[in-house]
Amino acid sequence: MDYTYYPGCSLTGSARALDKGVKALCKILGHRLTEIPEWNCCGALEYGDRNELVALSRENLVKAESLPAREILAPCPACYKNLKDANGEHKFTIINPLELLDKEMLARIPAKRSLKGKVFTPYYGCVLLRPEGTAIRNKNIMEELITSFGGEVEGERIKDRCCGGGQFFANKWATERLSTLILEKSKGTLVVFCPLCHMALKTFSTGAPVIYLTELVLYIMGEN
């Protein structure tokens, strides 16, 4: 399929690894991405006024109207939610890359490595799993991917806890406290899909590896 692509600020900066992985995964699955021309910041979770924040995302939807695809792929969970909230007239379908994955799609990933003997803690964070109106459809897709390639899953009870990533720059002490609670209850490698969660958990991790799910897929495919 052809998708309109909204990378957002993080994927062009600190989360380039997620951008690379999403594009690689889409290529494997046969999807073509066209970036929204001159897209602007969605405001993420830092902006104070919710109405103004949604207005920022609405500007991106206006810019997307010049492209033929009515499906917009937004990897960052904050961008994904903000675009969904701004899509009041339902002119577009807003999709997170995790929603492209199902058993059929997983079977198309050319596996060169197994995850057998490795332990992972899938962590979705706040935004991907709630509220129901904007949540991803399959709330266990990371677990399914990991076990499909032989990995073991731990730490399911923490997968939707808040890491405090949205408060990283305003109240870093709160982010540290919340992220530490998640890190203490995780086992093996912590697998995330949110740039804010990745930043927070990497910052306060004392040795536990924190990776994007897309990095894990690229590893399965044979990359280092």
N, C-alpha and C. Protein backbone atom coordinates (compact mmCIF):
# COMPACT_ATOMS: atom_id res chain seq x y z
N MET A 1 0.83 -1.20 0.00
CA MET A 1 0.00 0.00 0.00
C MET A 1 0.86 1.25 0.00
N ASP A 2 0.25 2.35 -0.39
CA ASP A 2 0.90 3.66 -0.29
C ASP A 2 0.39 4.34 0.98
N TYR A 3 1.31 4.87 1.77
CA TYR A 3 0.94 5.59 2.98
C TYR A 3 1.54 6.99 2.97
N THR A 4 0.79 7.93 3.50
CA THR A 4 1.36 9.24 3.80
C THR A 4 2.12 9.09 5.13
N TYR A 5 3.29 9.68 5.20
CA TYR A 5 4.17 9.45 6.36
C TYR A 5 4.37 10.74 7.14
N TYR A 6 4.12 10.66 8.45
CA TYR A 6 4.40 11.79 9.33
C TYR A 6 5.45 11.35 10.36
N PRO A 7 6.72 11.73 10.16
CA PRO A 7 7.77 11.29 11.09
C PRO A 7 7.73 12.03 12.42
N GLY A 8 7.35 13.31 12.40
CA GLY A 8 7.40 14.09 13.63
C GLY A 8 8.83 14.44 14.00
N CYS A 9 8.96 15.30 14.98
CA CYS A 9 10.29 15.84 15.34
C CYS A 9 11.26 14.78 15.84
N SER A 10 10.78 13.88 16.69
CA SER A 10 11.67 12.90 17.32
C SER A 10 12.35 12.00 16.30
N LEU A 11 11.60 11.57 15.29
CA LEU A 11 12.17 10.62 14.33
C LEU A 11 13.17 11.26 13.38
N THR A 12 13.22 12.58 13.36
CA THR A 12 14.25 13.26 12.57
C THR A 12 15.39 13.73 13.47
N GLY A 13 15.30 13.40 14.77
CA GLY A 13 16.34 13.80 15.72
C GLY A 13 16.81 12.63 16.56
N SER A 14 16.38 12.62 17.82
CA SER A 14 16.88 11.62 18.76
C SER A 14 16.39 10.20 18.46
N ALA A 15 15.30 10.07 17.73
CA ALA A 15 14.74 8.74 17.45
C ALA A 15 14.95 8.32 16.00
N ARG A 16 16.12 8.66 15.44
CA ARG A 16 16.40 8.26 14.05
C ARG A 16 16.39 6.74 13.88
N ALA A 17 16.76 6.03 14.94
CA ALA A 17 16.77 4.56 14.87
C ALA A 17 15.36 4.03 14.63
N LEU A 18 14.36 4.66 15.23
CA LEU A 18 12.97 4.24 15.01
C LEU A 18 12.54 4.54 13.58
N ASP A 19 12.93 5.70 13.07
CA ASP A 19 12.62 6.08 11.69
C ASP A 19 13.21 5.07 10.72
N LYS A 20 14.46 4.73 10.94
CA LYS A 20 15.15 3.75 10.07
C LYS A 20 14.42 2.41 10.10
N GLY A 21 14.06 1.98 11.31
CA GLY A 21 13.41 0.68 11.45
C GLY A 21 12.04 0.64 10.83
N VAL A 22 11.25 1.70 11.00
CA VAL A 22 9.91 1.75 10.42
C VAL A 22 10.00 1.69 8.90
N LYS A 23 10.92 2.45 8.32
CA LYS A 23 11.07 2.47 6.87
C LYS A 23 11.53 1.11 6.34
N ALA A 24 12.43 0.46 7.08
CA ALA A 24 12.91 -0.86 6.67
C ALA A 24 11.78 -1.89 6.73
N LEU A 25 10.99 -1.82 7.79
CA LEU A 25 9.87 -2.75 7.95
C LEU A 25 8.83 -2.55 6.86
N CYS A 26 8.53 -1.28 6.56
CA CYS A 26 7.55 -0.99 5.49
C CYS A 26 8.04 -1.50 4.14
N LYS A 27 9.33 -1.39 3.91
CA LYS A 27 9.89 -1.88 2.64
C LYS A 27 9.72 -3.38 2.53
N ILE A 28 9.94 -4.10 3.63
CA ILE A 28 9.78 -5.55 3.65
C ILE A 28 8.33 -5.93 3.34
N LEU A 29 7.41 -5.19 3.94
CA LEU A 29 5.99 -5.50 3.79
C LEU A 29 5.41 -4.95 2.48
N GLY A 30 6.23 -4.24 1.69
CA GLY A 30 5.79 -3.76 0.39
C GLY A 30 5.03 -2.45 0.42
N HIS A 31 5.20 -1.67 1.48
CA HIS A 31 4.50 -0.39 1.59
C HIS A 31 5.41 0.75 1.13
N ARG A 32 4.83 1.73 0.46
CA ARG A 32 5.57 2.93 0.03
C ARG A 32 5.13 4.12 0.88
N LEU A 33 6.12 4.90 1.34
CA LEU A 33 5.85 6.04 2.21
C LEU A 33 6.15 7.35 1.50
N THR A 34 5.23 8.30 1.62
CA THR A 34 5.45 9.66 1.09
C THR A 34 5.27 10.64 2.24
N GLU A 35 6.32 11.36 2.55
CA GLU A 35 6.30 12.26 3.70
C GLU A 35 5.42 13.49 3.44
N ILE A 36 4.69 13.92 4.48
CA ILE A 36 3.89 15.13 4.38
C ILE A 36 4.81 16.31 4.08
N PRO A 37 4.53 17.08 3.04
CA PRO A 37 5.42 18.21 2.71
C PRO A 37 5.37 19.31 3.77
N GLU A 38 6.55 19.77 4.17
CA GLU A 38 6.68 20.88 5.11
C GLU A 38 5.85 20.66 6.39
N TRP A 39 5.85 19.44 6.89
CA TRP A 39 5.11 19.14 8.12
C TRP A 39 5.67 19.97 9.29
N ASN A 40 4.83 20.20 10.28
CA ASN A 40 5.25 20.96 11.46
C ASN A 40 5.13 20.09 12.71
N CYS A 41 5.70 20.56 13.80
CA CYS A 41 5.65 19.85 15.07
C CYS A 41 4.20 19.70 15.52
N CYS A 42 3.88 18.54 16.12
CA CYS A 42 2.51 18.30 16.59
C CYS A 42 2.29 18.81 18.01
N GLY A 43 3.37 19.27 18.66
CA GLY A 43 3.25 19.72 20.04
C GLY A 43 3.52 18.64 21.06
N ALA A 44 3.51 17.38 20.60
CA ALA A 44 3.77 16.21 21.45
C ALA A 44 2.96 16.28 22.74
N LEU A 45 3.60 16.05 23.87
CA LEU A 45 2.91 16.09 25.16
C LEU A 45 3.36 17.29 26.00
N GLU A 46 4.20 18.13 25.42
CA GLU A 46 4.79 19.22 26.18
C GLU A 46 3.94 20.50 26.14
N TYR A 47 3.12 20.64 25.13
CA TYR A 47 2.39 21.88 24.92
C TYR A 47 1.29 22.04 25.97
N GLY A 48 1.10 23.23 26.50
CA GLY A 48 0.18 23.44 27.61
C GLY A 48 -1.29 23.41 27.24
N ASP A 49 -1.68 24.09 26.18
CA ASP A 49 -3.09 24.21 25.81
C ASP A 49 -3.48 23.10 24.84
N ARG A 50 -4.39 22.22 25.25
CA ARG A 50 -4.76 21.08 24.43
C ARG A 50 -5.39 21.50 23.11
N ASN A 51 -6.21 22.54 23.12
CA ASN A 51 -6.85 23.00 21.88
C ASN A 51 -5.82 23.50 20.88
N GLU A 52 -4.83 24.24 21.38
CA GLU A 52 -3.79 24.74 20.49
C GLU A 52 -2.93 23.59 19.96
N LEU A 53 -2.71 22.60 20.81
CA LEU A 53 -1.93 21.43 20.40
C LEU A 53 -2.62 20.69 19.25
N VAL A 54 -3.91 20.45 19.40
CA VAL A 54 -4.67 19.77 18.34
C VAL A 54 -4.69 20.60 17.07
N ALA A 55 -4.71 21.93 17.22
CA ALA A 55 -4.68 22.81 16.05
C ALA A 55 -3.38 22.65 15.26
N LEU A 56 -2.27 22.41 15.98
CA LEU A 56 -0.99 22.17 15.31
C LEU A 56 -1.07 20.92 14.43
N SER A 57 -1.69 19.87 14.97
CA SER A 57 -1.81 18.63 14.20
C SER A 57 -2.79 18.80 13.05
N ARG A 58 -3.80 19.63 13.24
CA ARG A 58 -4.76 19.87 12.16
C ARG A 58 -4.06 20.52 10.96
N GLU A 59 -3.06 21.35 11.22
CA GLU A 59 -2.29 21.96 10.14
C GLU A 59 -1.59 20.88 9.31
N ASN A 60 -1.10 19.83 9.99
CA ASN A 60 -0.45 18.73 9.26
C ASN A 60 -1.44 17.97 8.40
N LEU A 61 -2.67 17.84 8.88
CA LEU A 61 -3.68 17.16 8.08
C LEU A 61 -4.03 17.97 6.82
N VAL A 62 -4.05 19.29 6.97
CA VAL A 62 -4.29 20.16 5.80
C VAL A 62 -3.18 19.97 4.77
N LYS A 63 -1.94 19.90 5.25
CA LYS A 63 -0.80 19.71 4.34
C LYS A 63 -0.85 18.34 3.69
N ALA A 64 -1.42 17.35 4.39
CA ALA A 64 -1.50 15.99 3.85
C ALA A 64 -2.54 15.86 2.75
N GLU A 65 -3.44 16.83 2.63
CA GLU A 65 -4.50 16.74 1.63
C GLU A 65 -3.96 16.79 0.20
N SER A 66 -2.75 17.29 0.03
CA SER A 66 -2.16 17.36 -1.31
C SER A 66 -1.65 16.00 -1.79
N LEU A 67 -1.61 15.00 -0.89
CA LEU A 67 -1.10 13.68 -1.23
C LEU A 67 -2.27 12.72 -1.47
N PRO A 68 -2.09 11.72 -2.34
CA PRO A 68 -3.21 10.84 -2.70
C PRO A 68 -3.64 9.88 -1.60
N ALA A 69 -2.69 9.40 -0.77
CA ALA A 69 -3.04 8.39 0.24
C ALA A 69 -3.82 9.02 1.38
N ARG A 70 -4.91 8.38 1.76
CA ARG A 70 -5.74 8.86 2.88
C ARG A 70 -5.36 8.19 4.19
N GLU A 71 -4.35 7.32 4.16
CA GLU A 71 -3.87 6.66 5.38
C GLU A 71 -2.55 7.31 5.78
N ILE A 72 -2.48 7.82 7.01
CA ILE A 72 -1.27 8.48 7.50
C ILE A 72 -0.60 7.60 8.54
N LEU A 73 0.66 7.27 8.28
CA LEU A 73 1.44 6.45 9.21
C LEU A 73 2.22 7.38 10.14
N ALA A 74 1.97 7.26 11.44
CA ALA A 74 2.62 8.11 12.44
C ALA A 74 3.26 7.23 13.51
N PRO A 75 4.58 7.03 13.46
CA PRO A 75 5.24 6.13 14.42
C PRO A 75 5.22 6.61 15.87
N CYS A 76 5.46 7.89 16.11
CA CYS A 76 5.51 8.40 17.48
C CYS A 76 4.11 8.36 18.09
N PRO A 77 3.93 7.68 19.25
CA PRO A 77 2.61 7.59 19.86
C PRO A 77 1.96 8.94 20.16
N ALA A 78 2.75 9.94 20.57
CA ALA A 78 2.19 11.27 20.84
C ALA A 78 1.67 11.89 19.55
N CYS A 79 2.45 11.80 18.47
CA CYS A 79 2.01 12.32 17.16
C CYS A 79 0.77 11.57 16.69
N TYR A 80 0.81 10.26 16.86
CA TYR A 80 -0.31 9.39 16.45
C TYR A 80 -1.60 9.81 17.15
N LYS A 81 -1.55 10.03 18.46
CA LYS A 81 -2.75 10.42 19.20
C LYS A 81 -3.21 11.83 18.82
N ASN A 82 -2.26 12.75 18.70
CA ASN A 82 -2.63 14.12 18.36
C ASN A 82 -3.27 14.21 16.98
N LEU A 83 -2.74 13.47 16.02
CA LEU A 83 -3.33 13.45 14.68
C LEU A 83 -4.73 12.83 14.71
N LYS A 84 -4.90 11.79 15.52
CA LYS A 84 -6.23 11.18 15.64
C LYS A 84 -7.22 12.17 16.24
N ASP A 85 -6.79 12.91 17.27
CA ASP A 85 -7.67 13.89 17.89
C ASP A 85 -8.02 15.02 16.94
N ALA A 86 -7.08 15.36 16.04
CA ALA A 86 -7.30 16.45 15.09
C ALA A 86 -8.13 16.02 13.89
N ASN A 87 -8.30 14.71 13.72
CA ASN A 87 -8.97 14.17 12.54
C ASN A 87 -10.48 14.06 12.77
N GLY A 88 -11.07 15.16 13.23
CA GLY A 88 -12.49 15.16 13.59
C GLY A 88 -13.43 14.86 12.44
N GLU A 89 -13.06 15.27 11.24
CA GLU A 89 -13.91 15.03 10.08
C GLU A 89 -13.64 13.68 9.42
N HIS A 90 -12.69 12.95 9.99
CA HIS A 90 -12.35 11.60 9.53
C HIS A 90 -11.99 11.56 8.04
N LYS A 91 -11.26 12.58 7.60
CA LYS A 91 -10.80 12.59 6.22
C LYS A 91 -9.68 11.57 6.01
N PHE A 92 -8.99 11.24 7.10
CA PHE A 92 -7.85 10.33 7.02
C PHE A 92 -8.03 9.17 8.00
N THR A 93 -7.26 8.13 7.76
CA THR A 93 -7.11 7.06 8.73
C THR A 93 -5.71 7.17 9.31
N ILE A 94 -5.62 7.36 10.60
CA ILE A 94 -4.32 7.53 11.27
C ILE A 94 -3.88 6.17 11.81
N ILE A 95 -2.67 5.76 11.42
CA ILE A 95 -2.20 4.41 11.74
C ILE A 95 -0.84 4.46 12.42
N ASN A 96 -0.67 3.67 13.47
CA ASN A 96 0.65 3.45 14.05
C ASN A 96 1.25 2.22 13.38
N PRO A 97 2.56 2.21 13.11
CA PRO A 97 3.17 1.06 12.43
C PRO A 97 2.90 -0.28 13.10
N LEU A 98 2.68 -0.28 14.41
CA LEU A 98 2.36 -1.55 15.08
C LEU A 98 1.09 -2.16 14.53
N GLU A 99 0.20 -1.32 13.99
CA GLU A 99 -1.06 -1.81 13.46
C GLU A 99 -0.91 -2.46 12.08
N LEU A 100 0.27 -2.34 11.49
CA LEU A 100 0.53 -3.01 10.22
C LEU A 100 0.89 -4.47 10.43
N LEU A 101 1.22 -4.82 11.68
CA LEU A 101 1.69 -6.17 11.97
C LEU A 101 0.54 -7.08 12.40
N ASP A 102 0.49 -8.25 11.81
CA ASP A 102 -0.40 -9.32 12.25
C ASP A 102 0.33 -10.62 11.92
N LYS A 103 -0.31 -11.76 12.14
CA LYS A 103 0.37 -13.04 11.92
C LYS A 103 0.84 -13.20 10.49
N GLU A 104 0.02 -12.72 9.54
CA GLU A 104 0.41 -12.82 8.13
C GLU A 104 1.63 -11.96 7.83
N MET A 105 1.65 -10.76 8.38
CA MET A 105 2.78 -9.86 8.15
C MET A 105 4.05 -10.38 8.83
N LEU A 106 3.90 -10.93 10.05
CA LEU A 106 5.05 -11.48 10.76
C LEU A 106 5.69 -12.61 9.96
N ALA A 107 4.86 -13.39 9.28
CA ALA A 107 5.37 -14.51 8.49
C ALA A 107 6.19 -14.04 7.30
N ARG A 108 6.03 -12.77 6.91
CA ARG A 108 6.75 -12.24 5.74
C ARG A 108 8.11 -11.66 6.11
N ILE A 109 8.40 -11.57 7.42
CA ILE A 109 9.70 -11.05 7.86
C ILE A 109 10.76 -12.13 7.62
N PRO A 110 11.78 -11.85 6.81
CA PRO A 110 12.81 -12.86 6.52
C PRO A 110 13.75 -13.07 7.71
N ALA A 111 13.47 -14.07 8.52
CA ALA A 111 14.21 -14.29 9.76
C ALA A 111 15.54 -14.99 9.51
N LYS A 112 16.62 -14.37 9.95
CA LYS A 112 17.95 -14.97 9.88
C LYS A 112 18.48 -15.29 11.28
N ARG A 113 17.81 -14.77 12.29
CA ARG A 113 18.20 -15.04 13.67
C ARG A 113 16.97 -15.41 14.48
N SER A 114 17.16 -16.27 15.48
CA SER A 114 16.10 -16.65 16.41
C SER A 114 16.29 -15.88 17.72
N LEU A 115 15.19 -15.68 18.45
CA LEU A 115 15.26 -15.05 19.76
C LEU A 115 15.24 -16.09 20.88
N LYS A 116 15.41 -17.34 20.53
CA LYS A 116 15.34 -18.42 21.50
C LYS A 116 16.37 -18.22 22.62
N GLY A 117 15.88 -18.36 23.86
CA GLY A 117 16.76 -18.20 25.02
C GLY A 117 16.91 -16.77 25.50
N LYS A 118 16.29 -15.82 24.79
CA LYS A 118 16.38 -14.41 25.17
C LYS A 118 15.07 -13.96 25.80
N VAL A 119 15.19 -13.10 26.82
CA VAL A 119 14.03 -12.62 27.57
C VAL A 119 13.79 -11.15 27.28
N PHE A 120 12.53 -10.77 27.09
CA PHE A 120 12.16 -9.39 26.76
C PHE A 120 10.98 -8.94 27.61
N THR A 121 10.96 -7.64 27.91
CA THR A 121 9.81 -7.01 28.55
C THR A 121 9.21 -6.01 27.58
N PRO A 122 8.07 -6.30 26.95
CA PRO A 122 7.42 -5.34 26.06
C PRO A 122 6.84 -4.19 26.89
N TYR A 123 7.10 -2.97 26.46
CA TYR A 123 6.57 -1.80 27.17
C TYR A 123 5.94 -0.85 26.16
N TYR A 124 4.63 -0.66 26.27
CA TYR A 124 3.88 0.18 25.33
C TYR A 124 3.77 1.62 25.81
N GLY A 125 3.78 1.84 27.12
CA GLY A 125 3.58 3.18 27.65
C GLY A 125 2.12 3.56 27.71
N CYS A 126 1.87 4.83 28.02
CA CYS A 126 0.49 5.31 28.25
C CYS A 126 -0.36 5.38 26.99
N VAL A 127 0.18 5.95 25.95
CA VAL A 127 -0.64 6.45 24.85
C VAL A 127 -1.14 5.37 23.90
N LEU A 128 -0.33 4.34 23.64
CA LEU A 128 -0.71 3.35 22.65
C LEU A 128 -1.88 2.46 23.09
N LEU A 129 -2.06 2.30 24.40
CA LEU A 129 -3.07 1.37 24.89
C LEU A 129 -4.32 2.04 25.45
N ARG A 130 -4.31 3.35 25.59
CA ARG A 130 -5.48 4.05 26.12
C ARG A 130 -5.42 5.52 25.71
N PRO A 131 -6.59 6.20 25.67
CA PRO A 131 -7.95 5.67 25.85
C PRO A 131 -8.36 4.79 24.67
N GLU A 132 -9.44 4.07 24.84
CA GLU A 132 -9.85 3.09 23.84
C GLU A 132 -10.09 3.72 22.48
N GLY A 133 -10.57 4.94 22.46
CA GLY A 133 -10.89 5.60 21.20
C GLY A 133 -9.70 5.84 20.29
N THR A 134 -8.51 5.96 20.86
CA THR A 134 -7.32 6.20 20.05
C THR A 134 -6.27 5.10 20.22
N ALA A 135 -6.59 4.05 20.97
CA ALA A 135 -5.63 2.97 21.23
C ALA A 135 -5.42 2.11 19.98
N ILE A 136 -4.25 1.45 19.92
CA ILE A 136 -4.02 0.51 18.82
C ILE A 136 -4.94 -0.70 19.00
N ARG A 137 -5.24 -1.36 17.89
CA ARG A 137 -6.22 -2.46 17.93
C ARG A 137 -5.69 -3.68 18.70
N ASN A 138 -4.51 -4.13 18.35
CA ASN A 138 -3.94 -5.32 18.99
C ASN A 138 -3.00 -4.88 20.11
N LYS A 139 -3.42 -5.05 21.33
CA LYS A 139 -2.65 -4.58 22.48
C LYS A 139 -1.59 -5.58 22.95
N ASN A 140 -1.40 -6.64 22.17
CA ASN A 140 -0.38 -7.65 22.49
C ASN A 140 0.54 -7.93 21.32
N ILE A 141 0.60 -7.02 20.36
CA ILE A 141 1.36 -7.29 19.13
C ILE A 141 2.85 -7.46 19.40
N MET A 142 3.42 -6.72 20.35
CA MET A 142 4.85 -6.88 20.63
C MET A 142 5.12 -8.26 21.23
N GLU A 143 4.24 -8.71 22.12
CA GLU A 143 4.39 -10.04 22.69
C GLU A 143 4.31 -11.11 21.59
N GLU A 144 3.37 -10.94 20.67
CA GLU A 144 3.20 -11.92 19.60
C GLU A 144 4.42 -11.96 18.69
N LEU A 145 4.99 -10.79 18.40
CA LEU A 145 6.18 -10.77 17.55
C LEU A 145 7.35 -11.47 18.24
N ILE A 146 7.56 -11.15 19.51
CA ILE A 146 8.69 -11.74 20.25
C ILE A 146 8.57 -13.26 20.33
N THR A 147 7.39 -13.75 20.70
CA THR A 147 7.22 -15.20 20.84
C THR A 147 7.22 -15.90 19.49
N SER A 148 6.80 -15.20 18.43
CA SER A 148 6.81 -15.80 17.10
C SER A 148 8.21 -16.20 16.66
N PHE A 149 9.20 -15.46 17.15
CA PHE A 149 10.59 -15.73 16.77
C PHE A 149 11.37 -16.39 17.91
N GLY A 150 10.64 -16.98 18.86
CA GLY A 150 11.28 -17.82 19.87
C GLY A 150 11.66 -17.15 21.18
N GLY A 151 11.37 -15.86 21.32
CA GLY A 151 11.74 -15.15 22.55
C GLY A 151 10.76 -15.40 23.68
N GLU A 152 11.21 -15.09 24.90
CA GLU A 152 10.36 -15.21 26.08
C GLU A 152 9.93 -13.82 26.53
N VAL A 153 8.69 -13.72 27.03
CA VAL A 153 8.12 -12.44 27.43
C VAL A 153 7.92 -12.41 28.93
N GLU A 154 8.37 -11.30 29.55
CA GLU A 154 8.18 -11.07 30.97
C GLU A 154 7.63 -9.66 31.17
N GLY A 155 7.22 -9.36 32.40
CA GLY A 155 6.86 -8.00 32.76
C GLY A 155 5.60 -7.45 32.15
N GLU A 156 4.62 -8.30 31.84
CA GLU A 156 3.40 -7.82 31.20
C GLU A 156 2.62 -6.84 32.07
N ARG A 157 2.76 -6.94 33.38
CA ARG A 157 1.98 -6.07 34.28
C ARG A 157 2.42 -4.61 34.23
N ILE A 158 3.58 -4.35 33.63
CA ILE A 158 4.06 -2.97 33.59
C ILE A 158 3.94 -2.35 32.20
N LYS A 159 3.36 -3.06 31.27
CA LYS A 159 3.45 -2.60 29.88
C LYS A 159 2.70 -1.32 29.60
N ASP A 160 1.72 -0.97 30.45
CA ASP A 160 0.97 0.27 30.21
C ASP A 160 1.16 1.31 31.30
N ARG A 161 2.18 1.14 32.14
CA ARG A 161 2.46 2.15 33.17
C ARG A 161 3.09 3.38 32.54
N CYS A 162 2.87 4.52 33.17
CA CYS A 162 3.48 5.77 32.68
C CYS A 162 4.94 5.84 33.09
N CYS A 163 5.80 6.21 32.14
CA CYS A 163 7.23 6.37 32.43
C CYS A 163 7.57 7.80 32.81
N GLY A 164 6.60 8.71 32.65
CA GLY A 164 6.86 10.12 32.96
C GLY A 164 7.61 10.85 31.87
N GLY A 165 7.71 10.25 30.68
CA GLY A 165 8.48 10.86 29.59
C GLY A 165 8.00 12.25 29.22
N GLY A 166 6.70 12.49 29.33
CA GLY A 166 6.14 13.79 28.99
C GLY A 166 6.55 14.89 29.95
N GLN A 167 7.09 14.51 31.11
CA GLN A 167 7.53 15.48 32.11
C GLN A 167 9.05 15.58 32.18
N PHE A 168 9.73 14.96 31.21
CA PHE A 168 11.19 14.85 31.28
C PHE A 168 11.87 16.20 31.45
N PHE A 169 11.42 17.21 30.72
CA PHE A 169 12.09 18.51 30.75
C PHE A 169 11.54 19.46 31.81
N ALA A 170 10.31 19.19 32.27
CA ALA A 170 9.69 20.08 33.26
C ALA A 170 9.89 19.57 34.70
N ASN A 171 9.72 18.27 34.89
CA ASN A 171 9.83 17.67 36.23
C ASN A 171 10.61 16.36 36.12
N LYS A 172 11.90 16.48 35.91
CA LYS A 172 12.73 15.31 35.65
C LYS A 172 12.71 14.32 36.82
N TRP A 173 12.54 14.82 38.03
CA TRP A 173 12.49 13.96 39.21
C TRP A 173 11.31 12.98 39.10
N ALA A 174 10.18 13.45 38.56
CA ALA A 174 9.01 12.60 38.42
C ALA A 174 9.27 11.52 37.36
N THR A 175 9.92 11.91 36.27
CA THR A 175 10.26 10.94 35.23
C THR A 175 11.20 9.88 35.78
N GLU A 176 12.17 10.30 36.58
CA GLU A 176 13.12 9.34 37.15
C GLU A 176 12.40 8.34 38.06
N ARG A 177 11.50 8.84 38.89
CA ARG A 177 10.79 7.95 39.83
C ARG A 177 9.93 6.94 39.07
N LEU A 178 9.16 7.42 38.09
CA LEU A 178 8.27 6.53 37.35
C LEU A 178 9.04 5.54 36.48
N SER A 179 10.09 6.02 35.83
CA SER A 179 10.88 5.14 34.96
C SER A 179 11.60 4.08 35.78
N THR A 180 12.08 4.45 36.97
CA THR A 180 12.78 3.50 37.82
C THR A 180 11.86 2.36 38.25
N LEU A 181 10.60 2.67 38.52
CA LEU A 181 9.63 1.63 38.89
C LEU A 181 9.46 0.61 37.76
N ILE A 182 9.44 1.10 36.53
CA ILE A 182 9.31 0.21 35.36
C ILE A 182 10.57 -0.62 35.18
N LEU A 183 11.73 0.02 35.28
CA LEU A 183 13.00 -0.68 35.09
C LEU A 183 13.21 -1.76 36.15
N GLU A 184 12.78 -1.49 37.36
CA GLU A 184 12.95 -2.46 38.45
C GLU A 184 12.10 -3.71 38.23
N LYS A 185 10.97 -3.56 37.54
CA LYS A 185 10.07 -4.69 37.33
C LYS A 185 10.26 -5.36 35.97
N SER A 186 11.18 -4.86 35.17
CA SER A 186 11.42 -5.47 33.86
C SER A 186 12.48 -6.56 33.97
N LYS A 187 12.47 -7.45 32.98
CA LYS A 187 13.47 -8.51 32.91
C LYS A 187 14.02 -8.58 31.50
N GLY A 188 15.31 -8.86 31.40
CA GLY A 188 15.93 -8.95 30.09
C GLY A 188 15.97 -7.61 29.39
N THR A 189 15.69 -7.62 28.11
CA THR A 189 15.71 -6.41 27.29
C THR A 189 14.34 -5.75 27.29
N LEU A 190 14.32 -4.45 27.56
CA LEU A 190 13.07 -3.69 27.55
C LEU A 190 12.81 -3.21 26.13
N VAL A 191 11.65 -3.56 25.57
CA VAL A 191 11.33 -3.24 24.18
C VAL A 191 10.24 -2.18 24.14
N VAL A 192 10.49 -1.06 23.46
CA VAL A 192 9.57 0.07 23.44
C VAL A 192 9.25 0.48 22.00
N PHE A 193 8.28 1.39 21.86
CA PHE A 193 7.98 1.94 20.53
C PHE A 193 7.80 3.45 20.57
N CYS A 194 8.02 4.05 21.70
CA CYS A 194 7.79 5.49 21.86
C CYS A 194 9.11 6.22 22.11
N PRO A 195 9.40 7.27 21.34
CA PRO A 195 10.64 8.03 21.55
C PRO A 195 10.78 8.62 22.95
N LEU A 196 9.66 9.11 23.53
CA LEU A 196 9.71 9.66 24.87
C LEU A 196 10.02 8.59 25.91
N CYS A 197 9.37 7.43 25.76
CA CYS A 197 9.63 6.32 26.67
C CYS A 197 11.08 5.86 26.53
N HIS A 198 11.54 5.76 25.30
CA HIS A 198 12.92 5.33 25.03
C HIS A 198 13.91 6.27 25.70
N MET A 199 13.69 7.57 25.54
CA MET A 199 14.58 8.57 26.14
C MET A 199 14.59 8.46 27.66
N ALA A 200 13.40 8.37 28.26
CA ALA A 200 13.29 8.33 29.72
C ALA A 200 13.93 7.06 30.28
N LEU A 201 13.59 5.92 29.71
CA LEU A 201 14.07 4.65 30.25
C LEU A 201 15.57 4.47 30.01
N LYS A 202 16.07 4.92 28.86
CA LYS A 202 17.52 4.85 28.61
C LYS A 202 18.28 5.74 29.57
N THR A 203 17.71 6.91 29.86
CA THR A 203 18.38 7.86 30.74
C THR A 203 18.58 7.29 32.14
N PHE A 204 17.56 6.61 32.65
CA PHE A 204 17.61 6.15 34.04
C PHE A 204 17.91 4.67 34.19
N SER A 205 18.19 4.00 33.09
CA SER A 205 18.59 2.60 33.16
C SER A 205 20.02 2.50 33.68
N THR A 206 20.26 1.56 34.54
CA THR A 206 21.61 1.36 35.08
C THR A 206 22.28 0.14 34.47
N GLY A 207 21.91 -0.18 33.27
CA GLY A 207 22.53 -1.31 32.59
C GLY A 207 21.57 -2.16 31.79
N ALA A 208 20.29 -2.15 32.14
CA ALA A 208 19.31 -2.92 31.39
C ALA A 208 19.17 -2.35 29.98
N PRO A 209 19.29 -3.18 28.94
CA PRO A 209 19.17 -2.66 27.58
C PRO A 209 17.74 -2.21 27.26
N VAL A 210 17.62 -1.08 26.56
CA VAL A 210 16.33 -0.54 26.14
C VAL A 210 16.40 -0.32 24.63
N ILE A 211 15.54 -0.99 23.88
CA ILE A 211 15.60 -0.91 22.42
C ILE A 211 14.22 -0.67 21.84
N TYR A 212 14.19 -0.16 20.60
CA TYR A 212 12.94 -0.07 19.86
C TYR A 212 12.59 -1.44 19.28
N LEU A 213 11.29 -1.70 19.16
CA LEU A 213 10.85 -2.95 18.56
C LEU A 213 11.42 -3.10 17.15
N THR A 214 11.52 -1.99 16.44
CA THR A 214 12.04 -2.06 15.06
C THR A 214 13.49 -2.52 15.05
N GLU A 215 14.27 -2.14 16.07
CA GLU A 215 15.66 -2.62 16.17
C GLU A 215 15.69 -4.13 16.35
N LEU A 216 14.73 -4.64 17.11
CA LEU A 216 14.65 -6.08 17.32
C LEU A 216 14.30 -6.79 16.01
N VAL A 217 13.39 -6.20 15.23
CA VAL A 217 13.04 -6.80 13.94
C VAL A 217 14.25 -6.80 13.01
N LEU A 218 14.99 -5.72 12.99
CA LEU A 218 16.19 -5.66 12.13
C LEU A 218 17.24 -6.68 12.59
N TYR A 219 17.33 -6.90 13.90
CA TYR A 219 18.24 -7.93 14.43
C TYR A 219 17.80 -9.31 13.94
N ILE A 220 16.50 -9.59 14.02
CA ILE A 220 15.97 -10.88 13.54
C ILE A 220 16.30 -11.07 12.06
N MET A 221 16.30 -9.97 11.33
CA MET A 221 16.58 -10.01 9.89
C MET A 221 18.07 -10.15 9.56
N GLY A 222 18.90 -10.05 10.61
CA GLY A 222 20.33 -10.28 10.37
C GLY A 222 21.23 -9.10 10.62
N GLU A 223 20.66 -7.91 10.91
CA GLU A 223 21.51 -6.75 11.19
C GLU A 223 22.07 -6.83 12.60
N ASN A 224 23.18 -6.14 12.85
CA ASN A 224 23.78 -6.13 14.18
C ASN A 224 22.98 -5.23 15.11
